[in-house]
C-alpha atoms as a PDB file:
ATOM      1  CA  MET A   1      29.294 257.093  93.988  1.00  0.00           C
ATOM      2  CA  ASP A   2      32.780 258.645  93.744  1.00  0.00           C
ATOM      3  CA  SER A   3      35.750 257.107  91.914  1.00  0.00           C
ATOM      4  CA  THR A   4      37.484 256.025  95.128  1.00  0.00           C
ATOM      5  CA  TYR A   5      34.435 254.038  96.263  1.00  0.00           C
ATOM      6  CA  ARG A   6      34.085 252.431  92.824  1.00  0.00           C
ATOM      7  CA  ARG A   7      37.677 251.223  93.043  1.00  0.00           C
ATOM      8  CA  LEU A   8      37.079 249.808  96.516  1.00  0.00           C
ATOM      9  CA  VAL A   9      34.187 247.626  95.339  1.00  0.00           C
ATOM     10  CA  ASP A  10      35.505 246.814  91.834  1.00  0.00           C
ATOM     11  CA  LEU A  11      35.311 243.038  91.389  1.00  0.00           C
ATOM     12  CA  ASP A  12      38.272 243.100  88.973  1.00  0.00           C
ATOM     13  CA  THR A  13      40.503 244.374  91.757  1.00  0.00           C
ATOM     14  CA  VAL A  14      42.484 242.173  94.131  1.00  0.00           C
ATOM     15  CA  HIS A  15      41.574 243.206  97.667  1.00  0.00           C
ATOM     16  CA  VAL A  16      44.179 242.727 100.391  1.00  0.00           C
ATOM     17  CA  ALA A  17      43.512 243.150 104.120  1.00  0.00           C
ATOM     18  CA  ILE A  18      46.365 243.868 106.534  1.00  0.00           C
ATOM     19  CA  PHE A  19      45.850 244.275 110.286  1.00  0.00           C
ATOM     20  CA  ALA A  20      48.538 245.908 112.430  1.00  0.00           C
ATOM     21  CA  ASP A  21      49.222 248.399 115.173  1.00  0.00           C
ATOM     22  CA  GLU A  22      51.955 251.031 115.113  1.00  0.00           C
ATOM     23  CA  LYS A  23      54.714 248.635 116.159  1.00  0.00           C
ATOM     24  CA  LEU A  24      54.174 246.573 113.008  1.00  0.00           C
ATOM     25  CA  PHE A  25      53.939 249.448 110.513  1.00  0.00           C
ATOM     26  CA  PRO A  26      57.472 248.861 109.115  1.00  0.00           C
ATOM     27  CA  GLY A  27      56.374 245.356 108.164  1.00  0.00           C
ATOM     28  CA  VAL A  28      53.085 246.653 106.774  1.00  0.00           C
ATOM     29  CA  VAL A  29      54.693 249.080 104.340  1.00  0.00           C
ATOM     30  CA  THR A  30      57.348 246.528 103.364  1.00  0.00           C
ATOM     31  CA  LEU A  31      54.661 243.937 102.634  1.00  0.00           C
ATOM     32  CA  THR A  32      52.649 246.513 100.685  1.00  0.00           C
ATOM     33  CA  ASN A  33      55.654 247.479  98.589  1.00  0.00           C
ATOM     34  CA  SER A  34      56.440 243.837  97.823  1.00  0.00           C
ATOM     35  CA  ILE A  35      52.874 243.307  96.594  1.00  0.00           C
ATOM     36  CA  VAL A  36      52.921 246.431  94.430  1.00  0.00           C
ATOM     37  CA  SER A  37      56.316 245.456  93.007  1.00  0.00           C
ATOM     38  CA  ASN A  38      55.317 241.915  92.057  1.00  0.00           C
ATOM     39  CA  THR A  39      51.856 242.133  90.542  1.00  0.00           C
ATOM     40  CA  ALA A  40      50.389 243.580  87.378  1.00  0.00           C
ATOM     41  CA  SER A  41      46.841 243.321  88.725  1.00  0.00           C
ATOM     42  CA  PRO A  42      45.033 246.282  90.270  1.00  0.00           C
ATOM     43  CA  VAL A  43      45.223 245.980  94.052  1.00  0.00           C
ATOM     44  CA  THR A  44      43.230 247.744  96.744  1.00  0.00           C
ATOM     45  CA  PHE A  45      44.702 247.664 100.238  1.00  0.00           C
ATOM     46  CA  HIS A  46      42.495 247.652 103.315  1.00  0.00           C
ATOM     47  CA  PHE A  47      44.540 248.539 106.389  1.00  0.00           C
ATOM     48  CA  VAL A  48      42.974 247.980 109.798  1.00  0.00           C
ATOM     49  CA  THR A  49      44.519 249.638 112.830  1.00  0.00           C
ATOM     50  CA  PHE A  50      43.608 251.463 116.025  1.00  0.00           C
ATOM     51  CA  PRO A  51      42.306 255.057 115.739  1.00  0.00           C
ATOM     52  CA  SER A  52      45.387 256.384 117.538  1.00  0.00           C
ATOM     53  CA  ASN A  53      47.636 254.830 114.864  1.00  0.00           C
ATOM     54  CA  ALA A  54      45.681 255.732 111.716  1.00  0.00           C
ATOM     55  CA  THR A  55      47.256 259.150 111.120  1.00  0.00           C
ATOM     56  CA  ARG A  56      50.786 257.798 111.316  1.00  0.00           C
ATOM     57  CA  LEU A  57      50.070 255.002 108.845  1.00  0.00           C
ATOM     58  CA  ARG A  58      48.424 257.425 106.417  1.00  0.00           C
ATOM     59  CA  LEU A  59      51.420 259.774 106.630  1.00  0.00           C
ATOM     60  CA  TRP A  60      53.839 256.920 106.025  1.00  0.00           C
ATOM     61  CA  ILE A  61      52.003 255.780 102.902  1.00  0.00           C
ATOM     62  CA  THR A  62      51.207 259.181 101.398  1.00  0.00           C
ATOM     63  CA  GLY A  63      54.686 260.490 102.193  1.00  0.00           C
ATOM     64  CA  SER A  64      56.498 257.639 100.437  1.00  0.00           C
ATOM     65  CA  LYS A  65      56.601 256.043  96.995  1.00  0.00           C
ATOM     66  CA  LEU A  66      53.425 254.172  97.922  1.00  0.00           C
ATOM     67  CA  ARG A  67      51.406 257.390  97.732  1.00  0.00           C
ATOM     68  CA  ASN A  68      49.674 256.331  94.499  1.00  0.00           C
ATOM     69  CA  ILE A  69      48.284 253.014  95.727  1.00  0.00           C
ATOM     70  CA  THR A  70      44.551 252.581  96.246  1.00  0.00           C
ATOM     71  CA  PHE A  71      43.902 252.068  99.929  1.00  0.00           C
ATOM     72  CA  GLU A  72      41.607 252.711 102.828  1.00  0.00           C
ATOM     73  CA  ILE A  73      42.344 252.762 106.552  1.00  0.00           C
ATOM     74  CA  VAL A  74      39.695 251.237 108.773  1.00  0.00           C
ATOM     75  CA  GLU A  75      39.899 252.384 112.383  1.00  0.00           C
ATOM     76  CA  LEU A  76      39.098 249.587 114.804  1.00  0.00           C
ATOM     77  CA  PRO A  77      38.240 250.844 118.309  1.00  0.00           C
ATOM     78  CA  ILE A  78      40.424 249.120 120.871  1.00  0.00           C
ATOM     79  CA  ASN A  79      37.324 247.819 122.679  1.00  0.00           C
ATOM     80  CA  ALA A  80      35.439 246.780 119.521  1.00  0.00           C
ATOM     81  CA  LEU A  81      35.807 243.052 120.224  1.00  0.00           C
ATOM     82  CA  GLU A  82      35.576 243.243 123.988  1.00  0.00           C
ATOM     83  CA  GLY A  83      34.065 240.048 125.367  1.00  0.00           C
ATOM     84  CA  LYS A  84      34.139 238.311 121.963  1.00  0.00           C
ATOM     85  CA  TYR A  85      37.434 236.455 122.364  1.00  0.00           C
ATOM     86  CA  ARG A  86      39.651 235.040 125.066  1.00  0.00           C
ATOM     87  CA  SER A  87      43.432 234.925 124.862  1.00  0.00           C
ATOM     88  CA  ARG A  88      45.753 233.136 127.257  1.00  0.00           C
ATOM     89  CA  SER A  89      48.949 234.040 125.446  1.00  0.00           C
ATOM     90  CA  PRO A  90      51.664 235.632 127.610  1.00  0.00           C
ATOM     91  CA  ARG A  91      52.629 237.748 124.591  1.00  0.00           C
ATOM     92  CA  LYS A  92      50.726 241.014 124.703  1.00  0.00           C
ATOM     93  CA  GLU A  93      50.668 241.479 120.925  1.00  0.00           C
ATOM     94  CA  LEU A  94      48.906 238.134 120.456  1.00  0.00           C
ATOM     95  CA  SER A  95      46.131 239.306 122.765  1.00  0.00           C
ATOM     96  CA  SER A  96      45.519 242.442 120.721  1.00  0.00           C
ATOM     97  CA  PRO A  97      42.031 242.849 119.189  1.00  0.00           C
ATOM     98  CA  LEU A  98      43.767 243.293 115.825  1.00  0.00           C
ATOM     99  CA  ASN A  99      44.988 239.714 116.061  1.00  0.00           C
ATOM    100  CA  PHE A 100      41.380 238.493 116.201  1.00  0.00           C
ATOM    101  CA  ALA A 101      39.695 241.050 113.950  1.00  0.00           C
ATOM    102  CA  ARG A 102      40.625 238.973 110.890  1.00  0.00           C
ATOM    103  CA  PHE A 103      37.692 236.716 111.737  1.00  0.00           C
ATOM    104  CA  TYR A 104      35.337 239.645 111.142  1.00  0.00           C
ATOM    105  CA  LEU A 105      36.349 240.449 107.556  1.00  0.00           C
ATOM    106  CA  GLN A 106      32.767 240.252 106.307  1.00  0.00           C
ATOM    107  CA  SER A 107      31.622 242.766 108.907  1.00  0.00           C
ATOM    108  CA  LEU A 108      34.538 245.109 108.316  1.00  0.00           C
ATOM    109  CA  PHE A 109      34.283 245.013 104.506  1.00  0.00           C
ATOM    110  CA  PRO A 110      30.653 244.234 103.625  1.00  0.00           C
ATOM    111  CA  THR A 111      30.930 245.641 100.078  1.00  0.00           C
ATOM    112  CA  VAL A 112      33.986 243.565  99.113  1.00  0.00           C
ATOM    113  CA  GLY A 113      33.161 240.213  97.556  1.00  0.00           C
ATOM    114  CA  LYS A 114      36.541 238.538  98.026  1.00  0.00           C
ATOM    115  CA  ILE A 115      39.473 239.680 100.115  1.00  0.00           C
ATOM    116  CA  ILE A 116      42.894 238.208 100.907  1.00  0.00           C
ATOM    117  CA  TYR A 117      44.233 238.456 104.449  1.00  0.00           C
ATOM    118  CA  ILE A 118      48.036 238.623 104.761  1.00  0.00           C
ATOM    119  CA  ASP A 119      50.086 238.826 107.956  1.00  0.00           C
ATOM    120  CA  SER A 120      52.176 241.967 108.284  1.00  0.00           C
ATOM    121  CA  ASP A 121      55.424 239.979 108.575  1.00  0.00           C
ATOM    122  CA  CYS A 122      55.115 238.440 105.091  1.00  0.00           C
ATOM    123  CA  LEU A 123      56.645 239.353 101.738  1.00  0.00           C
ATOM    124  CA  VAL A 124      55.123 238.623  98.335  1.00  0.00           C
ATOM    125  CA  LEU A 125      57.367 237.421  95.522  1.00  0.00           C
ATOM    126  CA  GLU A 126      56.897 235.947  92.071  1.00  0.00           C
ATOM    127  CA  LEU A 127      57.552 232.380  93.128  1.00  0.00           C
ATOM    128  CA  TYR A 128      57.536 230.969  89.614  1.00  0.00           C
ATOM    129  CA  ASN A 129      60.581 233.075  88.792  1.00  0.00           C
ATOM    130  CA  ILE A 130      62.647 231.585  91.615  1.00  0.00           C
ATOM    131  CA  GLN A 131      64.993 228.893  90.317  1.00  0.00           C
ATOM    132  CA  LEU A 132      65.921 226.114  92.754  1.00  0.00           C
ATOM    133  CA  SER A 133      68.614 223.552  92.039  1.00  0.00           C
ATOM    134  CA  SER A 134      67.687 219.880  92.116  1.00  0.00           C
ATOM    135  CA  ASP A 135      69.599 219.303  95.371  1.00  0.00           C
ATOM    136  CA  HIS A 136      68.148 222.318  97.195  1.00  0.00           C
ATOM    137  CA  PRO A 137      66.984 221.344 100.717  1.00  0.00           C
ATOM    138  CA  VAL A 138      63.301 221.886 101.414  1.00  0.00           C
ATOM    139  CA  SER A 139      61.422 221.952 104.724  1.00  0.00           C
ATOM    140  CA  LEU A 140      57.685 221.346 104.676  1.00  0.00           C
ATOM    141  CA  LEU A 141      54.912 220.951 107.192  1.00  0.00           C
ATOM    142  CA  ARG A 142      54.126 217.284 107.570  1.00  0.00           C
ATOM    143  CA  ILE A 143      50.388 218.011 107.391  1.00  0.00           C
ATOM    144  CA  CYS A 144      50.599 219.857 104.056  1.00  0.00           C
ATOM    145  CA  ASP A 145      49.751 216.764 101.998  1.00  0.00           C
ATOM    146  CA  LEU A 146      47.155 215.303 104.358  1.00  0.00           C
ATOM    147  CA  ARG A 147      43.434 215.846 104.071  1.00  0.00           C
ATOM    148  CA  ARG A 148      41.621 217.124 107.114  1.00  0.00           C
ATOM    149  CA  ASP A 149      39.404 214.044 107.278  1.00  0.00           C
ATOM    150  CA  LYS A 150      42.464 211.807 107.669  1.00  0.00           C
ATOM    151  CA  PHE A 151      43.104 213.118 111.175  1.00  0.00           C
ATOM    152  CA  PRO A 152      41.512 211.266 114.089  1.00  0.00           C
ATOM    153  CA  PRO A 153      39.783 213.629 116.513  1.00  0.00           C
ATOM    154  CA  PRO A 154      41.684 215.233 118.135  1.00  0.00           C
ATOM    155  CA  PRO A 155      44.702 215.126 115.802  1.00  0.00           C
ATOM    156  CA  PRO A 156      48.049 214.318 117.422  1.00  0.00           C
ATOM    157  CA  PRO A 157      50.532 217.196 117.285  1.00  0.00           C
ATOM    158  CA  PRO A 158      52.835 216.518 114.315  1.00  0.00           C
ATOM    159  CA  PRO A 159      56.508 217.514 114.242  1.00  0.00           C
ATOM    160  CA  PRO A 160      56.566 221.128 113.052  1.00  0.00           C
ATOM    161  CA  LEU A 161      59.155 220.639 110.327  1.00  0.00           C
ATOM    162  CA  ARG A 162      60.709 217.766 108.462  1.00  0.00           C
ATOM    163  CA  THR A 163      64.002 218.435 106.698  1.00  0.00           C
ATOM    164  CA  TYR A 164      64.696 216.288 103.674  1.00  0.00           C
ATOM    165  CA  LYS A 165      68.078 215.143 102.379  1.00  0.00           C
ATOM    166  CA  ASN A 166      69.782 216.183 105.605  1.00  0.00           C
ATOM    167  CA  LYS A 167      72.227 213.288 105.596  1.00  0.00           C
ATOM    168  CA  LYS A 168      72.985 213.624 101.903  1.00  0.00           C
ATOM    169  CA  LEU A 169      73.627 217.366 102.060  1.00  0.00           C
ATOM    170  CA  ASN A 170      75.279 217.314 105.501  1.00  0.00           C
ATOM    171  CA  LEU A 171      73.303 220.378 106.547  1.00  0.00           C
ATOM    172  CA  THR A 172      74.375 220.195 110.182  1.00  0.00           C
ATOM    173  CA  ALA A 173      78.036 220.573 109.296  1.00  0.00           C
ATOM    174  CA  LYS A 174      77.223 223.462 106.976  1.00  0.00           C
ATOM    175  CA  LEU A 175      75.291 225.276 109.687  1.00  0.00           C
ATOM    176  CA  ILE A 176      78.186 224.861 112.113  1.00  0.00           C
ATOM    177  CA  HIS A 177      80.543 226.213 109.462  1.00  0.00           C
ATOM    178  CA  TRP A 178      78.336 229.223 108.736  1.00  0.00           C
ATOM    179  CA  ASN A 179      78.004 230.002 112.422  1.00  0.00           C
ATOM    180  CA  GLY A 180      81.761 229.778 112.869  1.00  0.00           C
ATOM    181  CA  GLN A 181      82.187 232.298 110.072  1.00  0.00           C
ATOM    182  CA  ARG A 182      79.742 234.637 111.841  1.00  0.00           C
ATOM    183  CA  LYS A 183      77.468 234.427 108.832  1.00  0.00           C
ATOM    184  CA  PRO A 184      73.920 235.402 109.843  1.00  0.00           C
ATOM    185  CA  TRP A 185      71.616 232.428 110.138  1.00  0.00           C
ATOM    186  CA  MET A 186      68.794 234.230 108.343  1.00  0.00           C
ATOM    187  CA  SER A 187      70.838 236.222 105.848  1.00  0.00           C
ATOM    188  CA  CYS A 188      68.395 235.383 103.053  1.00  0.00           C
ATOM    189  CA  GLN A 189      65.893 237.771 104.628  1.00  0.00           C
ATOM    190  CA  SER A 190      68.191 240.780 104.596  1.00  0.00           C
ATOM    191  CA  PRO A 191      68.247 241.415 100.803  1.00  0.00           C
ATOM    192  CA  LEU A 192      64.474 240.939 100.593  1.00  0.00           C
ATOM    193  CA  TRP A 193      63.868 243.449 103.361  1.00  0.00           C
ATOM    194  CA  ASN A 194      66.296 245.937 101.846  1.00  0.00           C
ATOM    195  CA  GLN A 195      64.600 245.554  98.458  1.00  0.00           C
ATOM    196  CA  TYR A 196      61.079 246.282  99.625  1.00  0.00           C
ATOM    197  CA  SER A 197      61.438 248.377 102.782  1.00  0.00           C
ATOM    198  CA  VAL A 198      60.053 251.907 102.607  1.00  0.00           C
ATOM    199  CA  PRO A 199      61.661 254.608 104.797  1.00  0.00           C
ATOM    200  CA  ASP A 200      59.410 256.250 107.343  1.00  0.00           C
ATOM    201  CA  PRO A 201      58.954 259.900 106.236  1.00  0.00           C
ATOM    202  CA  CYS A 202      57.978 260.851 109.799  1.00  0.00           C
ATOM    203  CA  GLY A 203      61.399 260.250 111.305  1.00  0.00           C
ATOM    204  CA  ARG A 204      63.833 257.684 112.561  1.00  0.00           C
ATOM    205  CA  VAL A 205      63.324 254.040 113.356  1.00  0.00           C
ATOM    206  CA  GLN A 206      65.110 251.617 115.624  1.00  0.00           C
ATOM    207  CA  TRP A 207      67.543 249.141 114.149  1.00  0.00           C
ATOM    208  CA  CYS A 208      68.549 245.691 115.290  1.00  0.00           C
ATOM    209  CA  VAL A 209      72.284 245.019 115.287  1.00  0.00           C
ATOM    210  CA  LYS A 210      73.147 241.331 115.623  1.00  0.00           C
ATOM    211  CA  GLY A 211      70.027 240.796 117.661  1.00  0.00           C
ATOM    212  CA  VAL A 212      70.533 243.794 119.945  1.00  0.00           C
ATOM    213  CA  SER A 213      68.302 246.843 119.560  1.00  0.00           C
ATOM    214  CA  HIS A 214      70.255 249.872 118.398  1.00  0.00           C
ATOM    215  CA  ARG A 215      69.604 253.347 119.707  1.00  0.00           C
ATOM    216  CA  PRO A 216      71.472 256.629 119.304  1.00  0.00           C
ATOM    217  CA  GLY A 217      74.753 256.452 121.184  1.00  0.00           C
ATOM    218  CA  SER A 218      75.148 252.707 120.784  1.00  0.00           C
ATOM    219  CA  SER A 219      78.739 251.511 120.511  1.00  0.00           C
ATOM    220  CA  THR A 220      77.824 249.221 117.612  1.00  0.00           C
ATOM    221  CA  PRO A 221      76.901 251.104 114.420  1.00  0.00           C
ATOM    222  CA  GLU A 222      74.146 249.637 112.277  1.00  0.00           C
ATOM    223  CA  GLU A 223      76.483 249.596 109.266  1.00  0.00           C
ATOM    224  CA  GLN A 224      78.344 246.681 110.874  1.00  0.00           C
ATOM    225  CA  SER A 225      75.266 244.549 111.263  1.00  0.00           C
ATOM    226  CA  PRO A 226      74.958 241.521 108.946  1.00  0.00           C
ATOM    227  CA  ILE A 227      71.182 241.676 109.428  1.00  0.00           C
ATOM    228  CA  THR A 228      69.450 245.015 109.709  1.00  0.00           C
ATOM    229  CA  TYR A 229      65.708 245.268 110.107  1.00  0.00           C
ATOM    230  CA  ILE A 230      63.230 247.859 111.249  1.00  0.00           C
ATOM    231  CA  SER A 231      61.613 246.917 114.526  1.00  0.00           C
ATOM    232  CA  GLN A 232      59.628 249.751 116.062  1.00  0.00           C
ATOM    233  CA  PRO A 233      59.213 253.471 115.405  1.00  0.00           C
ATOM    234  CA  ASP A 234      61.495 255.524 117.598  1.00  0.00           C
ATOM    235  CA  ASN A 235      59.699 258.779 117.186  1.00  0.00           C
ATOM    236  CA  ASP A 236      57.116 260.872 118.979  1.00  0.00           C
ATOM    237  CA  LEU A 237      54.308 261.441 116.495  1.00  0.00           C
ATOM    238  CA  ALA A 238      53.287 264.713 118.145  1.00  0.00           C
ATOM    239  CA  ASN A 239      56.666 266.229 117.298  1.00  0.00           C
ATOM    240  CA  VAL A 240      56.381 265.681 113.552  1.00  0.00           C
ATOM    241  CA  LEU A 241      52.714 266.308 112.793  1.00  0.00           C
ATOM    242  CA  PRO A 242      51.741 269.818 111.697  1.00  0.00           C
ATOM    243  CA  ASN A 243      50.071 271.967 114.351  1.00  0.00           C
ATOM    244  CA  GLY A 244      50.376 269.173 116.888  1.00  0.00           C
ATOM    245  CA  VAL A 245      47.646 267.064 115.254  1.00  0.00           C
END
């Protein structure tokens, strides 16, 4: 048994599973960096992607500051779950086998006792170090404090969010004010992304400028965008791999 395998099955290690195709790789590496940056525990990452995407993900990780993490890439054939699920979603990405493969963690990682699944669009922070003022508005799912057995079958659809202290804090007026000042609605995400994003060593990426995808030649430079995030790779992998691999 080699050292890499021992680390993969070490029970003292936190195992994290992340499923994504090439379009979500910017989020994958950003999530990975946020985990590495905010934990003192040994972590092993288990990335699951399609065989055609595996080389690009490996290059991104080994060619960046994440090169020293312990990880494995599991290649999931695109037809591996054929006939095992049915999706009616009009969104193509939600019908991807990778979106359903999370239900087969035990089959994919039979030697791992416990594993944590995290969506590729998440960030991990040290929540206990975040200070909130006593009048900070909080939105919570209504079902968070209800036990499953309290729901009659089938449960009625609850309102998705309930905002507390809205009247006291006059949140509506504040939102109108922020919008009038052209302040980005989700500006809190920008510093987090900038803190944990990892540049793609293989080439360029697309940028979103005020909600409009930016490409070379655009009249709106990305420097003027209040929110800048990586969306999809804008690069032909065959042009950057050695010997046309």
